C-alpha atoms as a PDB file:
ATOM      1  CA  UNK A   1     133.428 130.257 101.252  1.00  0.00           C
ATOM      2  CA  UNK A   2     136.271 127.747 101.445  1.00  0.00           C
ATOM      3  CA  UNK A   3     136.955 124.413  99.759  1.00  0.00           C
ATOM      4  CA  UNK A   4     135.474 121.571 101.804  1.00  0.00           C
ATOM      5  CA  UNK A   5     134.974 117.810 101.558  1.00  0.00           C
ATOM      6  CA  UNK A   6     131.964 115.865 102.847  1.00  0.00           C
ATOM      7  CA  UNK A   7     130.881 112.310 103.535  1.00  0.00           C
ATOM      8  CA  UNK A   8     127.447 110.991 104.344  1.00  0.00           C
ATOM      9  CA  UNK A   9     128.445 111.097 108.033  1.00  0.00           C
ATOM     10  CA  UNK A  10     128.382 114.925 107.795  1.00  0.00           C
ATOM     11  CA  UNK A  11     124.677 114.969 106.900  1.00  0.00           C
ATOM     12  CA  UNK A  12     122.021 115.548 109.578  1.00  0.00           C
ATOM     13  CA  UNK A  13     119.069 113.686 108.053  1.00  0.00           C
ATOM     14  CA  UNK A  14     115.494 114.902 108.439  1.00  0.00           C
ATOM     15  CA  UNK A  15     112.176 114.297 106.767  1.00  0.00           C
ATOM     16  CA  UNK A  16     111.285 116.882 104.137  1.00  0.00           C
ATOM     17  CA  UNK A  17     108.267 119.047 105.032  1.00  0.00           C
ATOM     18  CA  UNK A  18     105.029 117.458 103.838  1.00  0.00           C
ATOM     19  CA  UNK A  19     106.543 113.969 103.563  1.00  0.00           C
ATOM     20  CA  UNK A  20     105.678 111.201 106.010  1.00  0.00           C
ATOM     21  CA  UNK A  21     107.504 108.185 104.578  1.00  0.00           C
ATOM     22  CA  UNK A  22     110.992 106.848 105.155  1.00  0.00           C
ATOM     23  CA  UNK A  23     112.593 109.422 102.829  1.00  0.00           C
ATOM     24  CA  UNK A  24     115.182 111.684 104.443  1.00  0.00           C
ATOM     25  CA  UNK A  25     117.372 114.558 103.252  1.00  0.00           C
ATOM     26  CA  UNK A  26     120.592 115.771 104.825  1.00  0.00           C
ATOM     27  CA  UNK A  27     122.033 119.035 103.542  1.00  0.00           C
ATOM     28  CA  UNK A  28     125.780 119.559 103.871  1.00  0.00           C
ATOM     29  CA  UNK A  29     125.798 122.929 102.052  1.00  0.00           C
ATOM     30  CA  UNK A  30     122.803 125.253 101.910  1.00  0.00           C
ATOM     31  CA  UNK A  31     121.654 128.858 102.229  1.00  0.00           C
ATOM     32  CA  UNK A  32     123.423 129.205 105.583  1.00  0.00           C
ATOM     33  CA  UNK A  33     126.747 128.832 103.756  1.00  0.00           C
ATOM     34  CA  UNK A  34     126.134 131.773 101.421  1.00  0.00           C
ATOM     35  CA  UNK A  35     126.411 129.886  98.116  1.00  0.00           C
ATOM     36  CA  UNK A  36     123.757 129.619  95.390  1.00  0.00           C
ATOM     37  CA  UNK A  37     123.134 125.839  95.627  1.00  0.00           C
ATOM     38  CA  UNK A  38     122.154 123.177  98.137  1.00  0.00           C
ATOM     39  CA  UNK A  39     124.211 119.974  98.269  1.00  0.00           C
ATOM     40  CA  UNK A  40     123.343 116.934 100.356  1.00  0.00           C
ATOM     41  CA  UNK A  41     122.547 113.271 100.692  1.00  0.00           C
ATOM     42  CA  UNK A  42     119.207 111.484 100.462  1.00  0.00           C
ATOM     43  CA  UNK A  43     118.120 108.207 102.046  1.00  0.00           C
ATOM     44  CA  UNK A  44     115.138 106.233 100.775  1.00  0.00           C
ATOM     45  CA  UNK A  45     113.897 103.267 102.773  1.00  0.00           C
ATOM     46  CA  UNK A  46     112.699 100.146 100.928  1.00  0.00           C
ATOM     47  CA  UNK A  47     109.637 100.588  98.711  1.00  0.00           C
ATOM     48  CA  UNK A  48     109.070 104.267  99.447  1.00  0.00           C
ATOM     49  CA  UNK A  49     107.335 106.698  97.115  1.00  0.00           C
ATOM     50  CA  UNK A  50     107.051 110.479  97.049  1.00  0.00           C
ATOM     51  CA  UNK A  51     105.092 112.713  94.675  1.00  0.00           C
ATOM     52  CA  UNK A  52     106.332 116.259  94.193  1.00  0.00           C
ATOM     53  CA  UNK A  53     106.145 119.208  91.828  1.00  0.00           C
ATOM     54  CA  UNK A  54     109.683 120.543  91.848  1.00  0.00           C
ATOM     55  CA  UNK A  55     110.161 124.107  93.078  1.00  0.00           C
ATOM     56  CA  UNK A  56     113.883 123.954  92.123  1.00  0.00           C
ATOM     57  CA  UNK A  57     116.132 122.255  89.591  1.00  0.00           C
ATOM     58  CA  UNK A  58     117.223 119.007  91.261  1.00  0.00           C
ATOM     59  CA  UNK A  59     120.064 116.680  90.296  1.00  0.00           C
ATOM     60  CA  UNK A  60     120.402 113.277  92.026  1.00  0.00           C
ATOM     61  CA  UNK A  61     123.404 110.970  91.782  1.00  0.00           C
ATOM     62  CA  UNK A  62     122.476 107.439  92.813  1.00  0.00           C
ATOM     63  CA  UNK A  63     125.127 106.062  95.172  1.00  0.00           C
ATOM     64  CA  UNK A  64     123.434 102.851  96.370  1.00  0.00           C
ATOM     65  CA  UNK A  65     120.291 100.947  95.397  1.00  0.00           C
ATOM     66  CA  UNK A  66     117.882 102.001  92.655  1.00  0.00           C
ATOM     67  CA  UNK A  67     115.244 104.690  92.184  1.00  0.00           C
ATOM     68  CA  UNK A  68     112.563 104.965  89.545  1.00  0.00           C
ATOM     69  CA  UNK A  69     111.511 108.486  88.611  1.00  0.00           C
ATOM     70  CA  UNK A  70     108.187 108.819  86.793  1.00  0.00           C
ATOM     71  CA  UNK A  71     107.159 111.966  84.949  1.00  0.00           C
ATOM     72  CA  UNK A  72     104.755 112.670  82.112  1.00  0.00           C
ATOM     73  CA  UNK A  73     104.006 108.963  81.657  1.00  0.00           C
ATOM     74  CA  UNK A  74     107.674 107.998  81.409  1.00  0.00           C
ATOM     75  CA  UNK A  75     109.588 105.853  83.944  1.00  0.00           C
ATOM     76  CA  UNK A  76     113.365 106.039  84.346  1.00  0.00           C
ATOM     77  CA  UNK A  77     115.182 103.651  86.663  1.00  0.00           C
ATOM     78  CA  UNK A  78     118.650 104.697  87.819  1.00  0.00           C
ATOM     79  CA  UNK A  79     121.279 102.833  89.825  1.00  0.00           C
ATOM     80  CA  UNK A  80     124.746 103.468  91.264  1.00  0.00           C
ATOM     81  CA  UNK A  81     126.772 105.968  89.271  1.00  0.00           C
ATOM     82  CA  UNK A  82     123.783 107.251  87.292  1.00  0.00           C
ATOM     83  CA  UNK A  83     122.451 110.815  87.421  1.00  0.00           C
ATOM     84  CA  UNK A  84     118.844 112.005  87.200  1.00  0.00           C
ATOM     85  CA  UNK A  85     118.037 115.667  86.427  1.00  0.00           C
ATOM     86  CA  UNK A  86     114.576 116.871  87.370  1.00  0.00           C
ATOM     87  CA  UNK A  87     113.791 120.377  86.057  1.00  0.00           C
ATOM     88  CA  UNK A  88     111.979 123.005  88.077  1.00  0.00           C
ATOM     89  CA  UNK A  89     108.203 122.795  87.564  1.00  0.00           C
ATOM     90  CA  UNK A  90     108.210 119.085  86.661  1.00  0.00           C
ATOM     91  CA  UNK A  91     105.802 116.824  88.577  1.00  0.00           C
ATOM     92  CA  UNK A  92     107.536 113.558  89.486  1.00  0.00           C
ATOM     93  CA  UNK A  93     107.046 110.400  91.478  1.00  0.00           C
ATOM     94  CA  UNK A  94     110.254 109.002  92.985  1.00  0.00           C
ATOM     95  CA  UNK A  95     110.110 105.345  94.055  1.00  0.00           C
ATOM     96  CA  UNK A  96     112.722 103.238  95.783  1.00  0.00           C
ATOM     97  CA  UNK A  97     112.984  99.496  95.246  1.00  0.00           C
ATOM     98  CA  UNK A  98     113.371  96.575  97.691  1.00  0.00           C
ATOM     99  CA  UNK A  99     116.820  97.600  98.931  1.00  0.00           C
ATOM    100  CA  UNK A 100     116.116 101.344  99.315  1.00  0.00           C
ATOM    101  CA  UNK A 101     118.570 103.906  97.973  1.00  0.00           C
ATOM    102  CA  UNK A 102     121.180 106.495  98.893  1.00  0.00           C
ATOM    103  CA  UNK A 103     121.705 109.569  96.733  1.00  0.00           C
ATOM    104  CA  UNK A 104     123.758 112.723  96.585  1.00  0.00           C
ATOM    105  CA  UNK A 105     121.873 115.793  95.365  1.00  0.00           C
ATOM    106  CA  UNK A 106     122.367 119.350  94.195  1.00  0.00           C
ATOM    107  CA  UNK A 107     119.509 121.847  93.924  1.00  0.00           C
ATOM    108  CA  UNK A 108     119.324 125.335  92.488  1.00  0.00           C
ATOM    109  CA  UNK A 109     118.193 127.470  94.109  1.00  0.00           C
ATOM    110  CA  UNK A 110     117.976 126.252  97.715  1.00  0.00           C
ATOM    111  CA  UNK A 111     115.108 123.769  98.063  1.00  0.00           C
ATOM    112  CA  UNK A 112     114.289 124.814 101.644  1.00  0.00           C
ATOM    113  CA  UNK A 113     113.801 128.449 100.603  1.00  0.00           C
ATOM    114  CA  UNK A 114     111.587 127.415  97.656  1.00  0.00           C
ATOM    115  CA  UNK A 115     109.058 125.491  99.770  1.00  0.00           C
ATOM    116  CA  UNK A 116     105.637 127.128 100.132  1.00  0.00           C
END
């Protein structure tokens, strides 16, 4: 594997399996590259919400907008420059606000391989 640089323009966005809202993921590094992690960008339309039990450790860096992550009765709202870590096995609700949100993410292991 070689050193590479990415921008959001490098991401091919698609809806995650099982999701039907305006929430898209675009991997720029994944299992096809031979490394142990997936790296990509996420786009959340305005006022979107997804519920998921995490099959991987997931780290999101908020680039634009705001997201609120709810887990175990606790809400955390994060904005640009803030990082949210969601451990494997945690059940979370991720909600975007009026302006939507853009994130960068890293998962371990690859989220696509961990889906049922």
